[in-house]
Each structure stands twice: as C-alpha cells, then as structure tokens.
Amino acid sequence: MSSMDIAPADTFTFTRTLDRVLVNRRSVAEVFLTDFHPVSDDEWIVGAQLPLGHAYFTDHLAAKFYDVLLILECCRQAGTYGGYTQFGSPRDTINMVSSLRLTINDHEALQIGRSPGKLVIHV
C-alpha cells in the first residue's frame, strides 16, 4: 500500500467509536477512532471523528483549526488499537512511541466547520 492509498476509507461511516479499552481510555468521550481497516499484517487505516470542541484539545477561545495535539492523540489511538488487533498485544502492554511522522496534505482541511471533522490515518 502506498503512503496515500486510503481508498478503503470510502466505506468508513464515522458513526460510532471503537472499543475504548483498545485505545487505553476510560471514557467513551475520550475515544476519537470510529473505523478500522487492516491493509496488511503491519499496516492499517483508521477513521477518527474530530469534535467541534473539546475541554483539552480546543481549550482556547474561538478555535478556528483543530489542534495538532488532537491529531497526535488520534495517531496514538490508531497505533494502540492496531497493536491490540493486528499484533495481539496483551491488554497490559505499555505502548511507547519511538517515532512518528505526521504529514498534513491540506492544512485548510484542519479548519473547524459546522460538523465534526473526519480524519483518516494510515498506520
């Protein structure tokens, strides 16, 4: 799969969150992932819904763009979820990030609109 082949995301619904336990969160409200599609043994794509507002990730007044920390949290959840589902990591696994490359192809797409944002991540 090339770094930009996200065609399976066309079937994503962005209508419900994935299991909070599989992203190491206690509350459903802290889960942003909505869809998961394995591409190979070590690659997958996920969908995430970005909230219009969030107490931590958009805590400044009149936010016009999604905070990059929110995007990074979605990436963390994507890696954690994939570790459990793709690699069968034990539930007590401590996930350490050694590197992350974030490419945003369209910065204007991070503008907060009238509806929650839809994010697709390739891991």
PDB file of N, CA and C in Angstrom:
ATOM      1  N   MET A   1       0.850  -1.168   0.000  1.00  0.00           N
ATOM      2  CA  MET A   1       0.000   0.000   0.000  1.00  0.00           C
ATOM      3  C   MET A   1       0.895   1.230   0.000  1.00  0.00           C
ATOM      4  N   SER A   2       0.666   2.147  -0.894  1.00  0.00           N
ATOM      5  CA  SER A   2       1.439   3.383  -0.903  1.00  0.00           C
ATOM      6  C   SER A   2       1.008   4.242   0.276  1.00  0.00           C
ATOM      7  N   SER A   3       1.825   5.241   0.595  1.00  0.00           N
ATOM      8  CA  SER A   3       1.529   6.069   1.762  1.00  0.00           C
ATOM      9  C   SER A   3       0.229   6.857   1.620  1.00  0.00           C
ATOM     10  N   MET A   4      -0.306   6.949   0.421  1.00  0.00           N
ATOM     11  CA  MET A   4      -1.528   7.733   0.242  1.00  0.00           C
ATOM     12  C   MET A   4      -2.717   6.906  -0.239  1.00  0.00           C
ATOM     13  N   ASP A   5      -2.601   5.606  -0.302  1.00  0.00           N
ATOM     14  CA  ASP A   5      -3.696   4.758  -0.765  1.00  0.00           C
ATOM     15  C   ASP A   5      -4.683   4.516   0.375  1.00  0.00           C
ATOM     16  N   ILE A   6      -5.688   5.360   0.454  1.00  0.00           N
ATOM     17  CA  ILE A   6      -6.678   5.252   1.529  1.00  0.00           C
ATOM     18  C   ILE A   6      -8.060   4.943   0.967  1.00  0.00           C
ATOM     19  N   ALA A   7      -8.109   4.323  -0.207  1.00  0.00           N
ATOM     20  CA  ALA A   7      -9.393   4.014  -0.848  1.00  0.00           C
ATOM     21  C   ALA A   7     -10.362   3.256   0.068  1.00  0.00           C
ATOM     22  N   PRO A   8      -9.895   2.305   0.903  1.00  0.00           N
ATOM     23  CA  PRO A   8     -10.856   1.629   1.788  1.00  0.00           C
ATOM     24  C   PRO A   8     -11.591   2.571   2.730  1.00  0.00           C
ATOM     25  N   ALA A   9     -11.054   3.756   2.957  1.00  0.00           N
ATOM     26  CA  ALA A   9     -11.713   4.715   3.839  1.00  0.00           C
ATOM     27  C   ALA A   9     -13.026   5.222   3.250  1.00  0.00           C
ATOM     28  N   ASP A  10     -13.241   4.999   1.967  1.00  0.00           N
ATOM     29  CA  ASP A  10     -14.511   5.402   1.350  1.00  0.00           C
ATOM     30  C   ASP A  10     -15.698   4.701   1.999  1.00  0.00           C
ATOM     31  N   THR A  11     -15.453   3.566   2.647  1.00  0.00           N
ATOM     32  CA  THR A  11     -16.534   2.818   3.300  1.00  0.00           C
ATOM     33  C   THR A  11     -16.687   3.177   4.779  1.00  0.00           C
ATOM     34  N   PHE A  12     -15.829   4.041   5.304  1.00  0.00           N
ATOM     35  CA  PHE A  12     -15.915   4.417   6.714  1.00  0.00           C
ATOM     36  C   PHE A  12     -17.215   5.178   6.984  1.00  0.00           C
ATOM     37  N   THR A  13     -17.787   4.924   8.155  1.00  0.00           N
ATOM     38  CA  THR A  13     -19.066   5.550   8.496  1.00  0.00           C
ATOM     39  C   THR A  13     -18.935   6.728   9.456  1.00  0.00           C
ATOM     40  N   PHE A  14     -17.907   6.727  10.288  1.00  0.00           N
ATOM     41  CA  PHE A  14     -17.707   7.784  11.289  1.00  0.00           C
ATOM     42  C   PHE A  14     -18.937   7.946  12.187  1.00  0.00           C
ATOM     43  N   THR A  15     -19.639   6.827  12.480  1.00  0.00           N
ATOM     44  CA  THR A  15     -20.888   6.915  13.224  1.00  0.00           C
ATOM     45  C   THR A  15     -20.816   6.425  14.671  1.00  0.00           C
ATOM     46  N   ARG A  16     -19.768   5.708  15.037  1.00  0.00           N
ATOM     47  CA  ARG A  16     -19.660   5.215  16.411  1.00  0.00           C
ATOM     48  C   ARG A  16     -18.178   4.997  16.720  1.00  0.00           C
ATOM     49  N   THR A  17     -17.851   5.057  18.004  1.00  0.00           N
ATOM     50  CA  THR A  17     -16.455   4.886  18.379  1.00  0.00           C
ATOM     51  C   THR A  17     -16.098   3.402  18.470  1.00  0.00           C
ATOM     52  N   LEU A  18     -14.813   3.143  18.359  1.00  0.00           N
ATOM     53  CA  LEU A  18     -14.299   1.798  18.581  1.00  0.00           C
ATOM     54  C   LEU A  18     -14.184   1.565  20.087  1.00  0.00           C
ATOM     55  N   ASP A  19     -13.912   0.356  20.482  1.00  0.00           N
ATOM     56  CA  ASP A  19     -13.850  -0.037  21.891  1.00  0.00           C
ATOM     57  C   ASP A  19     -12.815   0.807  22.648  1.00  0.00           C
ATOM     58  N   ARG A  20     -13.267   1.502  23.675  1.00  0.00           N
ATOM     59  CA  ARG A  20     -12.387   2.381  24.449  1.00  0.00           C
ATOM     60  C   ARG A  20     -11.227   1.625  25.096  1.00  0.00           C
ATOM     61  N   VAL A  21     -11.447   0.362  25.446  1.00  0.00           N
ATOM     62  CA  VAL A  21     -10.402  -0.438  26.076  1.00  0.00           C
ATOM     63  C   VAL A  21      -9.219  -0.630  25.123  1.00  0.00           C
ATOM     64  N   LEU A  22      -9.510  -0.714  23.821  1.00  0.00           N
ATOM     65  CA  LEU A  22      -8.459  -0.970  22.837  1.00  0.00           C
ATOM     66  C   LEU A  22      -7.693   0.286  22.414  1.00  0.00           C
ATOM     67  N   VAL A  23      -8.016   1.429  23.031  1.00  0.00           N
ATOM     68  CA  VAL A  23      -7.221   2.647  22.835  1.00  0.00           C
ATOM     69  C   VAL A  23      -6.740   3.186  24.185  1.00  0.00           C
ATOM     70  N   ASN A  24      -6.870   2.347  25.223  1.00  0.00           N
ATOM     71  CA  ASN A  24      -6.415   2.677  26.575  1.00  0.00           C
ATOM     72  C   ASN A  24      -7.066   3.956  27.115  1.00  0.00           C
ATOM     73  N   ARG A  25      -8.383   4.019  27.008  1.00  0.00           N
ATOM     74  CA  ARG A  25      -9.148   5.141  27.542  1.00  0.00           C
ATOM     75  C   ARG A  25     -10.221   4.624  28.484  1.00  0.00           C
ATOM     76  N   ARG A  26     -10.539   5.395  29.510  1.00  0.00           N
ATOM     77  CA  ARG A  26     -11.560   5.009  30.480  1.00  0.00           C
ATOM     78  C   ARG A  26     -12.954   5.441  30.059  1.00  0.00           C
ATOM     79  N   SER A  27     -13.045   6.523  29.308  1.00  0.00           N
ATOM     80  CA  SER A  27     -14.338   7.087  28.930  1.00  0.00           C
ATOM     81  C   SER A  27     -14.535   7.019  27.418  1.00  0.00           C
ATOM     82  N   VAL A  28     -15.743   6.701  26.994  1.00  0.00           N
ATOM     83  CA  VAL A  28     -16.082   6.695  25.579  1.00  0.00           C
ATOM     84  C   VAL A  28     -15.859   8.089  24.984  1.00  0.00           C
ATOM     85  N   ALA A  29     -16.071   9.129  25.792  1.00  0.00           N
ATOM     86  CA  ALA A  29     -15.906  10.502  25.309  1.00  0.00           C
ATOM     87  C   ALA A  29     -14.460  10.823  24.927  1.00  0.00           C
ATOM     88  N   GLU A  30     -13.519  10.011  25.378  1.00  0.00           N
ATOM     89  CA  GLU A  30     -12.108  10.234  25.066  1.00  0.00           C
ATOM     90  C   GLU A  30     -11.654   9.460  23.835  1.00  0.00           C
ATOM     91  N   VAL A  31     -12.554   8.711  23.218  1.00  0.00           N
ATOM     92  CA  VAL A  31     -12.223   7.899  22.048  1.00  0.00           C
ATOM     93  C   VAL A  31     -12.607   8.662  20.787  1.00  0.00           C
ATOM     94  N   PHE A  32     -11.656   8.810  19.875  1.00  0.00           N
ATOM     95  CA  PHE A  32     -11.915   9.521  18.633  1.00  0.00           C
ATOM     96  C   PHE A  32     -12.011   8.580  17.435  1.00  0.00           C
ATOM     97  N   LEU A  33     -11.470   7.358  17.570  1.00  0.00           N
ATOM     98  CA  LEU A  33     -11.488   6.414  16.452  1.00  0.00           C
ATOM     99  C   LEU A  33     -12.886   5.874  16.204  1.00  0.00           C
ATOM    100  N   THR A  34     -13.252   5.776  14.934  1.00  0.00           N
ATOM    101  CA  THR A  34     -14.578   5.293  14.555  1.00  0.00           C
ATOM    102  C   THR A  34     -14.533   4.082  13.641  1.00  0.00           C
ATOM    103  N   ASP A  35     -13.467   3.934  12.882  1.00  0.00           N
ATOM    104  CA  ASP A  35     -13.395   2.871  11.877  1.00  0.00           C
ATOM    105  C   ASP A  35     -11.978   2.320  11.813  1.00  0.00           C
ATOM    106  N   PHE A  36     -11.879   1.049  11.411  1.00  0.00           N
ATOM    107  CA  PHE A  36     -10.583   0.370  11.314  1.00  0.00           C
ATOM    108  C   PHE A  36     -10.604  -0.561  10.115  1.00  0.00           C
ATOM    109  N   HIS A  37      -9.548  -0.513   9.322  1.00  0.00           N
ATOM    110  CA  HIS A  37      -9.441  -1.405   8.168  1.00  0.00           C
ATOM    111  C   HIS A  37      -8.007  -1.904   8.055  1.00  0.00           C
ATOM    112  N   PRO A  38      -7.788  -3.232   8.307  1.00  0.00           N
ATOM    113  CA  PRO A  38      -6.433  -3.769   8.121  1.00  0.00           C
ATOM    114  C   PRO A  38      -6.099  -3.816   6.629  1.00  0.00           C
ATOM    115  N   VAL A  39      -4.879  -3.443   6.308  1.00  0.00           N
ATOM    116  CA  VAL A  39      -4.426  -3.440   4.918  1.00  0.00           C
ATOM    117  C   VAL A  39      -3.453  -4.590   4.698  1.00  0.00           C
ATOM    118  N   SER A  40      -2.605  -4.844   5.673  1.00  0.00           N
ATOM    119  CA  SER A  40      -1.663  -5.962   5.642  1.00  0.00           C
ATOM    120  C   SER A  40      -1.390  -6.345   7.089  1.00  0.00           C
ATOM    121  N   ASP A  41      -0.429  -7.244   7.299  1.00  0.00           N
ATOM    122  CA  ASP A  41      -0.116  -7.656   8.665  1.00  0.00           C
ATOM    123  C   ASP A  41       0.386  -6.505   9.534  1.00  0.00           C
ATOM    124  N   ASP A  42       1.002  -5.510   8.904  1.00  0.00           N
ATOM    125  CA  ASP A  42       1.562  -4.420   9.705  1.00  0.00           C
ATOM    126  C   ASP A  42       1.160  -3.019   9.213  1.00  0.00           C
ATOM    127  N   GLU A  43       0.068  -2.932   8.478  1.00  0.00           N
ATOM    128  CA  GLU A  43      -0.467  -1.642   8.040  1.00  0.00           C
ATOM    129  C   GLU A  43      -1.977  -1.643   8.178  1.00  0.00           C
ATOM    130  N   TRP A  44      -2.508  -0.494   8.534  1.00  0.00           N
ATOM    131  CA  TRP A  44      -3.948  -0.349   8.639  1.00  0.00           C
ATOM    132  C   TRP A  44      -4.305   1.124   8.462  1.00  0.00           C
ATOM    133  N   ILE A  45      -5.578   1.343   8.202  1.00  0.00           N
ATOM    134  CA  ILE A  45      -6.077   2.710   8.184  1.00  0.00           C
ATOM    135  C   ILE A  45      -7.228   2.795   9.180  1.00  0.00           C
ATOM    136  N   VAL A  46      -7.366   3.954   9.773  1.00  0.00           N
ATOM    137  CA  VAL A  46      -8.440   4.184  10.731  1.00  0.00           C
ATOM    138  C   VAL A  46      -9.145   5.487  10.382  1.00  0.00           C
ATOM    139  N   GLY A  47     -10.381   5.579  10.809  1.00  0.00           N
ATOM    140  CA  GLY A  47     -11.123   6.821  10.725  1.00  0.00           C
ATOM    141  C   GLY A  47     -11.276   7.372  12.123  1.00  0.00           C
ATOM    142  N   ALA A  48     -11.285   8.680  12.222  1.00  0.00           N
ATOM    143  CA  ALA A  48     -11.497   9.335  13.513  1.00  0.00           C
ATOM    144  C   ALA A  48     -12.425  10.534  13.308  1.00  0.00           C
ATOM    145  N   GLN A  49     -13.291  10.737  14.280  1.00  0.00           N
ATOM    146  CA  GLN A  49     -14.153  11.912  14.237  1.00  0.00           C
ATOM    147  C   GLN A  49     -13.562  12.959  15.171  1.00  0.00           C
ATOM    148  N   LEU A  50     -13.359  14.153  14.623  1.00  0.00           N
ATOM    149  CA  LEU A  50     -12.793  15.252  15.395  1.00  0.00           C
ATOM    150  C   LEU A  50     -13.926  16.104  15.949  1.00  0.00           C
ATOM    151  N   PRO A  51     -13.976  16.289  17.260  1.00  0.00           N
ATOM    152  CA  PRO A  51     -15.082  17.039  17.864  1.00  0.00           C
ATOM    153  C   PRO A  51     -15.002  18.529  17.549  1.00  0.00           C
ATOM    154  N   LEU A  52     -16.148  19.178  17.528  1.00  0.00           N
ATOM    155  CA  LEU A  52     -16.182  20.623  17.305  1.00  0.00           C
ATOM    156  C   LEU A  52     -15.509  21.376  18.448  1.00  0.00           C
ATOM    157  N   GLY A  53     -15.587  20.828  19.621  1.00  0.00           N
ATOM    158  CA  GLY A  53     -14.941  21.415  20.783  1.00  0.00           C
ATOM    159  C   GLY A  53     -14.526  20.318  21.736  1.00  0.00           C
ATOM    160  N   HIS A  54     -13.495  20.570  22.518  1.00  0.00           N
ATOM    161  CA  HIS A  54     -13.011  19.588  23.471  1.00  0.00           C
ATOM    162  C   HIS A  54     -12.328  20.341  24.612  1.00  0.00           C
ATOM    163  N   ALA A  55     -12.573  19.934  25.843  1.00  0.00           N
ATOM    164  CA  ALA A  55     -12.044  20.639  27.005  1.00  0.00           C
ATOM    165  C   ALA A  55     -10.520  20.724  26.997  1.00  0.00           C
ATOM    166  N   TYR A  56      -9.842  19.753  26.437  1.00  0.00           N
ATOM    167  CA  TYR A  56      -8.373  19.764  26.427  1.00  0.00           C
ATOM    168  C   TYR A  56      -7.813  20.194  25.080  1.00  0.00           C
ATOM    169  N   PHE A  57      -8.326  19.618  24.001  1.00  0.00           N
ATOM    170  CA  PHE A  57      -7.714  19.810  22.693  1.00  0.00           C
ATOM    171  C   PHE A  57      -8.136  21.089  21.975  1.00  0.00           C
ATOM    172  N   THR A  58      -9.214  21.713  22.411  1.00  0.00           N
ATOM    173  CA  THR A  58      -9.581  23.029  21.868  1.00  0.00           C
ATOM    174  C   THR A  58      -9.986  23.916  23.037  1.00  0.00           C
ATOM    175  N   ASP A  59      -9.080  24.030  23.989  1.00  0.00           N
ATOM    176  CA  ASP A  59      -9.405  24.768  25.209  1.00  0.00           C
ATOM    177  C   ASP A  59      -9.241  26.277  25.069  1.00  0.00           C
ATOM    178  N   HIS A  60      -8.803  26.756  23.922  1.00  0.00           N
ATOM    179  CA  HIS A  60      -8.681  28.198  23.716  1.00  0.00           C
ATOM    180  C   HIS A  60      -9.955  28.723  23.040  1.00  0.00           C
ATOM    181  N   LEU A  61     -10.262  29.948  23.292  1.00  0.00           N
ATOM    182  CA  LEU A  61     -11.490  30.543  22.764  1.00  0.00           C
ATOM    183  C   LEU A  61     -11.407  30.735  21.254  1.00  0.00           C
ATOM    184  N   ALA A  62     -12.518  30.545  20.611  1.00  0.00           N
ATOM    185  CA  ALA A  62     -12.653  30.800  19.173  1.00  0.00           C
ATOM    186  C   ALA A  62     -11.625  30.042  18.341  1.00  0.00           C
ATOM    187  N   ALA A  63     -11.434  28.766  18.634  1.00  0.00           N
ATOM    188  CA  ALA A  63     -10.509  27.944  17.837  1.00  0.00           C
ATOM    189  C   ALA A  63     -11.025  27.853  16.406  1.00  0.00           C
ATOM    190  N   LYS A  64     -10.155  28.082  15.460  1.00  0.00           N
ATOM    191  CA  LYS A  64     -10.543  28.022  14.051  1.00  0.00           C
ATOM    192  C   LYS A  64     -10.037  26.763  13.370  1.00  0.00           C
ATOM    193  N   PHE A  65      -8.989  26.160  13.961  1.00  0.00           N
ATOM    194  CA  PHE A  65      -8.398  24.959  13.387  1.00  0.00           C
ATOM    195  C   PHE A  65      -8.257  23.904  14.475  1.00  0.00           C
ATOM    196  N   TYR A  66      -8.343  22.638  14.079  1.00  0.00           N
ATOM    197  CA  TYR A  66      -8.125  21.555  15.029  1.00  0.00           C
ATOM    198  C   TYR A  66      -6.684  21.609  15.518  1.00  0.00           C
ATOM    199  N   ASP A  67      -6.516  21.407  16.806  1.00  0.00           N
ATOM    200  CA  ASP A  67      -5.206  21.431  17.437  1.00  0.00           C
ATOM    201  C   ASP A  67      -4.400  20.218  16.993  1.00  0.00           C
ATOM    202  N   VAL A  68      -3.130  20.416  16.711  1.00  0.00           N
ATOM    203  CA  VAL A  68      -2.286  19.304  16.274  1.00  0.00           C
ATOM    204  C   VAL A  68      -2.172  18.248  17.381  1.00  0.00           C
ATOM    205  N   LEU A  69      -2.334  18.638  18.652  1.00  0.00           N
ATOM    206  CA  LEU A  69      -2.322  17.646  19.731  1.00  0.00           C
ATOM    207  C   LEU A  69      -3.493  16.677  19.612  1.00  0.00           C
ATOM    208  N   LEU A  70      -4.623  17.142  19.135  1.00  0.00           N
ATOM    209  CA  LEU A  70      -5.765  16.263  18.891  1.00  0.00           C
ATOM    210  C   LEU A  70      -5.419  15.259  17.790  1.00  0.00           C
ATOM    211  N   ILE A  71      -4.783  15.733  16.736  1.00  0.00           N
ATOM    212  CA  ILE A  71      -4.377  14.843  15.646  1.00  0.00           C
ATOM    213  C   ILE A  71      -3.380  13.811  16.163  1.00  0.00           C
ATOM    214  N   LEU A  72      -2.441  14.250  16.981  1.00  0.00           N
ATOM    215  CA  LEU A  72      -1.457  13.319  17.549  1.00  0.00           C
ATOM    216  C   LEU A  72      -2.117  12.296  18.473  1.00  0.00           C
ATOM    217  N   GLU A  73      -3.127  12.709  19.241  1.00  0.00           N
ATOM    218  CA  GLU A  73      -3.855  11.751  20.087  1.00  0.00           C
ATOM    219  C   GLU A  73      -4.573  10.723  19.225  1.00  0.00           C
ATOM    220  N   CYS A  74      -5.136  11.155  18.111  1.00  0.00           N
ATOM    221  CA  CYS A  74      -5.774  10.207  17.189  1.00  0.00           C
ATOM    222  C   CYS A  74      -4.740   9.222  16.648  1.00  0.00           C
ATOM    223  N   CYS A  75      -3.546   9.708  16.348  1.00  0.00           N
ATOM    224  CA  CYS A  75      -2.463   8.827  15.880  1.00  0.00           C
ATOM    225  C   CYS A  75      -2.074   7.825  16.964  1.00  0.00           C
ATOM    226  N   ARG A  76      -1.982   8.299  18.207  1.00  0.00           N
ATOM    227  CA  ARG A  76      -1.658   7.399  19.318  1.00  0.00           C
ATOM    228  C   ARG A  76      -2.710   6.316  19.457  1.00  0.00           C
ATOM    229  N   GLN A  77      -3.988   6.719  19.386  1.00  0.00           N
ATOM    230  CA  GLN A  77      -5.062   5.740  19.478  1.00  0.00           C
ATOM    231  C   GLN A  77      -5.003   4.753  18.317  1.00  0.00           C
ATOM    232  N   ALA A  78      -4.676   5.231  17.127  1.00  0.00           N
ATOM    233  CA  ALA A  78      -4.594   4.360  15.953  1.00  0.00           C
ATOM    234  C   ALA A  78      -3.503   3.311  16.120  1.00  0.00           C
ATOM    235  N   GLY A  79      -2.362   3.726  16.623  1.00  0.00           N
ATOM    236  CA  GLY A  79      -1.268   2.783  16.850  1.00  0.00           C
ATOM    237  C   GLY A  79      -1.582   1.778  17.943  1.00  0.00           C
ATOM    238  N   THR A  80      -2.198   2.259  19.015  1.00  0.00           N
ATOM    239  CA  THR A  80      -2.559   1.378  20.132  1.00  0.00           C
ATOM    240  C   THR A  80      -3.602   0.361  19.700  1.00  0.00           C
ATOM    241  N   TYR A  81      -4.647   0.822  19.022  1.00  0.00           N
ATOM    242  CA  TYR A  81      -5.704  -0.077  18.559  1.00  0.00           C
ATOM    243  C   TYR A  81      -5.128  -1.138  17.618  1.00  0.00           C
ATOM    244  N   GLY A  82      -4.289  -0.720  16.692  1.00  0.00           N
ATOM    245  CA  GLY A  82      -3.672  -1.664  15.764  1.00  0.00           C
ATOM    246  C   GLY A  82      -2.770  -2.662  16.463  1.00  0.00           C
ATOM    247  N   GLY A  83      -2.069  -2.209  17.492  1.00  0.00           N
ATOM    248  CA  GLY A  83      -1.214  -3.125  18.246  1.00  0.00           C
ATOM    249  C   GLY A  83      -2.012  -4.258  18.871  1.00  0.00           C
ATOM    250  N   TYR A  84      -3.164  -3.917  19.418  1.00  0.00           N
ATOM    251  CA  TYR A  84      -4.012  -4.940  20.026  1.00  0.00           C
ATOM    252  C   TYR A  84      -4.661  -5.837  18.975  1.00  0.00           C
ATOM    253  N   THR A  85      -5.186  -5.259  17.913  1.00  0.00           N
ATOM    254  CA  THR A  85      -5.947  -6.057  16.950  1.00  0.00           C
ATOM    255  C   THR A  85      -5.071  -6.729  15.895  1.00  0.00           C
ATOM    256  N   GLN A  86      -4.017  -6.063  15.459  1.00  0.00           N
ATOM    257  CA  GLN A  86      -3.167  -6.629  14.412  1.00  0.00           C
ATOM    258  C   GLN A  86      -2.082  -7.546  14.970  1.00  0.00           C
ATOM    259  N   PHE A  87      -1.491  -7.159  16.108  1.00  0.00           N
ATOM    260  CA  PHE A  87      -0.362  -7.908  16.655  1.00  0.00           C
ATOM    261  C   PHE A  87      -0.732  -8.763  17.851  1.00  0.00           C
ATOM    262  N   GLY A  88      -1.956  -8.605  18.358  1.00  0.00           N
ATOM    263  CA  GLY A  88      -2.378  -9.396  19.516  1.00  0.00           C
ATOM    264  C   GLY A  88      -1.653  -9.019  20.793  1.00  0.00           C
ATOM    265  N   SER A  89      -1.280  -7.760  20.928  1.00  0.00           N
ATOM    266  CA  SER A  89      -0.587  -7.320  22.137  1.00  0.00           C
ATOM    267  C   SER A  89      -1.450  -7.592  23.366  1.00  0.00           C
ATOM    268  N   PRO A  90      -0.834  -8.044  24.456  1.00  0.00           N
ATOM    269  CA  PRO A  90      -1.598  -8.240  25.692  1.00  0.00           C
ATOM    270  C   PRO A  90      -2.181  -6.919  26.179  1.00  0.00           C
ATOM    271  N   ARG A  91      -3.324  -6.985  26.866  1.00  0.00           N
ATOM    272  CA  ARG A  91      -4.019  -5.776  27.306  1.00  0.00           C
ATOM    273  C   ARG A  91      -3.208  -4.939  28.287  1.00  0.00           C
ATOM    274  N   ASP A  92      -2.225  -5.542  28.962  1.00  0.00           N
ATOM    275  CA  ASP A  92      -1.430  -4.756  29.918  1.00  0.00           C
ATOM    276  C   ASP A  92      -0.150  -4.199  29.272  1.00  0.00           C
ATOM    277  N   THR A  93      -0.109  -4.221  27.941  1.00  0.00           N
ATOM    278  CA  THR A  93       1.046  -3.695  27.224  1.00  0.00           C
ATOM    279  C   THR A  93       1.159  -2.188  27.432  1.00  0.00           C
ATOM    280  N   ILE A  94       2.364  -1.728  27.691  1.00  0.00           N
ATOM    281  CA  ILE A  94       2.631  -0.295  27.743  1.00  0.00           C
ATOM    282  C   ILE A  94       3.194   0.083  26.380  1.00  0.00           C
ATOM    283  N   ASN A  95       2.507   0.969  25.705  1.00  0.00           N
ATOM    284  CA  ASN A  95       2.903   1.372  24.352  1.00  0.00           C
ATOM    285  C   ASN A  95       3.828   2.578  24.417  1.00  0.00           C
ATOM    286  N   MET A  96       4.986   2.447  23.815  1.00  0.00           N
ATOM    287  CA  MET A  96       5.961   3.534  23.760  1.00  0.00           C
ATOM    288  C   MET A  96       6.107   3.959  22.300  1.00  0.00           C
ATOM    289  N   VAL A  97       6.051   5.243  22.051  1.00  0.00           N
ATOM    290  CA  VAL A  97       6.225   5.763  20.706  1.00  0.00           C
ATOM    291  C   VAL A  97       7.684   6.163  20.547  1.00  0.00           C
ATOM    292  N   SER A  98       8.346   5.569  19.558  1.00  0.00           N
ATOM    293  CA  SER A  98       9.749   5.913  19.326  1.00  0.00           C
ATOM    294  C   SER A  98       9.892   6.902  18.174  1.00  0.00           C
ATOM    295  N   SER A  99       8.912   6.911  17.291  1.00  0.00           N
ATOM    296  CA  SER A  99       8.941   7.898  16.218  1.00  0.00           C
ATOM    297  C   SER A  99       7.540   8.040  15.635  1.00  0.00           C
ATOM    298  N   LEU A 100       7.313   9.187  15.037  1.00  0.00           N
ATOM    299  CA  LEU A 100       6.031   9.463  14.410  1.00  0.00           C
ATOM    300  C   LEU A 100       6.282  10.477  13.313  1.00  0.00           C
ATOM    301  N   ARG A 101       5.735  10.196  12.146  1.00  0.00           N
ATOM    302  CA  ARG A 101       5.806  11.164  11.054  1.00  0.00           C
ATOM    303  C   ARG A 101       4.383  11.569  10.730  1.00  0.00           C
ATOM    304  N   LEU A 102       4.120  12.829  10.828  1.00  0.00           N
ATOM    305  CA  LEU A 102       2.794  13.365  10.570  1.00  0.00           C
ATOM    306  C   LEU A 102       2.869  14.211   9.312  1.00  0.00           C
ATOM    307  N   THR A 103       2.073  13.834   8.310  1.00  0.00           N
ATOM    308  CA  THR A 103       2.007  14.596   7.074  1.00  0.00           C
ATOM    309  C   THR A 103       0.591  15.110   6.912  1.00  0.00           C
ATOM    310  N   ILE A 104       0.459  16.402   6.846  1.00  0.00           N
ATOM    311  CA  ILE A 104      -0.846  17.027   6.615  1.00  0.00           C
ATOM    312  C   ILE A 104      -0.792  17.616   5.218  1.00  0.00           C
ATOM    313  N   ASN A 105      -1.547  17.013   4.301  1.00  0.00           N
ATOM    314  CA  ASN A 105      -1.501  17.421   2.903  1.00  0.00           C
ATOM    315  C   ASN A 105      -2.290  18.694   2.616  1.00  0.00           C
ATOM    316  N   ASP A 106      -3.304  18.948   3.409  1.00  0.00           N
ATOM    317  CA  ASP A 106      -4.163  20.100   3.179  1.00  0.00           C
ATOM    318  C   ASP A 106      -4.428  20.779   4.520  1.00  0.00           C
ATOM    319  N   HIS A 107      -3.645  21.787   4.835  1.00  0.00           N
ATOM    320  CA  HIS A 107      -3.768  22.464   6.121  1.00  0.00           C
ATOM    321  C   HIS A 107      -5.153  23.077   6.323  1.00  0.00           C
ATOM    322  N   GLU A 108      -5.771  23.531   5.256  1.00  0.00           N
ATOM    323  CA  GLU A 108      -7.105  24.129   5.360  1.00  0.00           C
ATOM    324  C   GLU A 108      -8.149  23.089   5.783  1.00  0.00           C
ATOM    325  N   ALA A 109      -7.857  21.813   5.535  1.00  0.00           N
ATOM    326  CA  ALA A 109      -8.785  20.751   5.940  1.00  0.00           C
ATOM    327  C   ALA A 109      -8.883  20.651   7.461  1.00  0.00           C
ATOM    328  N   LEU A 110      -7.946  21.244   8.175  1.00  0.00           N
ATOM    329  CA  LEU A 110      -7.983  21.245   9.637  1.00  0.00           C
ATOM    330  C   LEU A 110      -8.851  22.365  10.203  1.00  0.00           C
ATOM    331  N   GLN A 111      -9.461  23.129   9.326  1.00  0.00           N
ATOM    332  CA  GLN A 111     -10.348  24.198   9.784  1.00  0.00           C
ATOM    333  C   GLN A 111     -11.612  23.586  10.376  1.00  0.00           C
ATOM    334  N   ILE A 112     -12.000  24.061  11.538  1.00  0.00           N
ATOM    335  CA  ILE A 112     -13.198  23.563  12.202  1.00  0.00           C
ATOM    336  C   ILE A 112     -14.416  24.123  11.478  1.00  0.00           C
ATOM    337  N   GLY A 113     -15.304  23.232  11.068  1.00  0.00           N
ATOM    338  CA  GLY A 113     -16.508  23.643  10.348  1.00  0.00           C
ATOM    339  C   GLY A 113     -17.741  23.555  11.222  1.00  0.00           C
ATOM    340  N   ARG A 114     -18.880  23.339  10.584  1.00  0.00           N
ATOM    341  CA  ARG A 114     -20.151  23.247  11.306  1.00  0.00           C
ATOM    342  C   ARG A 114     -20.443  21.835  11.792  1.00  0.00           C
ATOM    343  N   SER A 115     -19.757  20.860  11.209  1.00  0.00           N
ATOM    344  CA  SER A 115     -19.939  19.456  11.599  1.00  0.00           C
ATOM    345  C   SER A 115     -18.605  18.912  12.097  1.00  0.00           C
ATOM    346  N   PRO A 116     -18.637  17.859  12.903  1.00  0.00           N
ATOM    347  CA  PRO A 116     -17.382  17.255  13.344  1.00  0.00           C
ATOM    348  C   PRO A 116     -16.519  16.869  12.155  1.00  0.00           C
ATOM    349  N   GLY A 117     -15.214  16.984  12.338  1.00  0.00           N
ATOM    350  CA  GLY A 117     -14.279  16.652  11.259  1.00  0.00           C
ATOM    351  C   GLY A 117     -14.117  15.159  11.090  1.00  0.00           C
ATOM    352  N   LYS A 118     -13.690  14.759   9.910  1.00  0.00           N
ATOM    353  CA  LYS A 118     -13.420  13.360   9.599  1.00  0.00           C
ATOM    354  C   LYS A 118     -11.947  13.247   9.228  1.00  0.00           C
ATOM    355  N   LEU A 119     -11.249  12.390   9.963  1.00  0.00           N
ATOM    356  CA  LEU A 119      -9.821  12.205   9.777  1.00  0.00           C
ATOM    357  C   LEU A 119      -9.549  10.760   9.393  1.00  0.00           C
ATOM    358  N   VAL A 120      -8.675  10.563   8.419  1.00  0.00           N
ATOM    359  CA  VAL A 120      -8.231   9.213   8.037  1.00  0.00           C
ATOM    360  C   VAL A 120      -6.734   9.132   8.281  1.00  0.00           C
ATOM    361  N   ILE A 121      -6.315   8.084   8.975  1.00  0.00           N
ATOM    362  CA  ILE A 121      -4.911   7.895   9.328  1.00  0.00           C
ATOM    363  C   ILE A 121      -4.427   6.571   8.753  1.00  0.00           C
ATOM    364  N   HIS A 122      -3.267   6.612   8.113  1.00  0.00           N
ATOM    365  CA  HIS A 122      -2.599   5.407   7.601  1.00  0.00           C
ATOM    366  C   HIS A 122      -1.462   5.069   8.562  1.00  0.00           C
ATOM    367  N   VAL A 123      -1.523   3.867   9.155  1.00  0.00           N
ATOM    368  CA  VAL A 123      -0.501   3.421  10.104  1.00  0.00           C
ATOM    369  C   VAL A 123       0.253   2.270   9.473  1.00  0.00           C
TER     370      VAL A 123
END
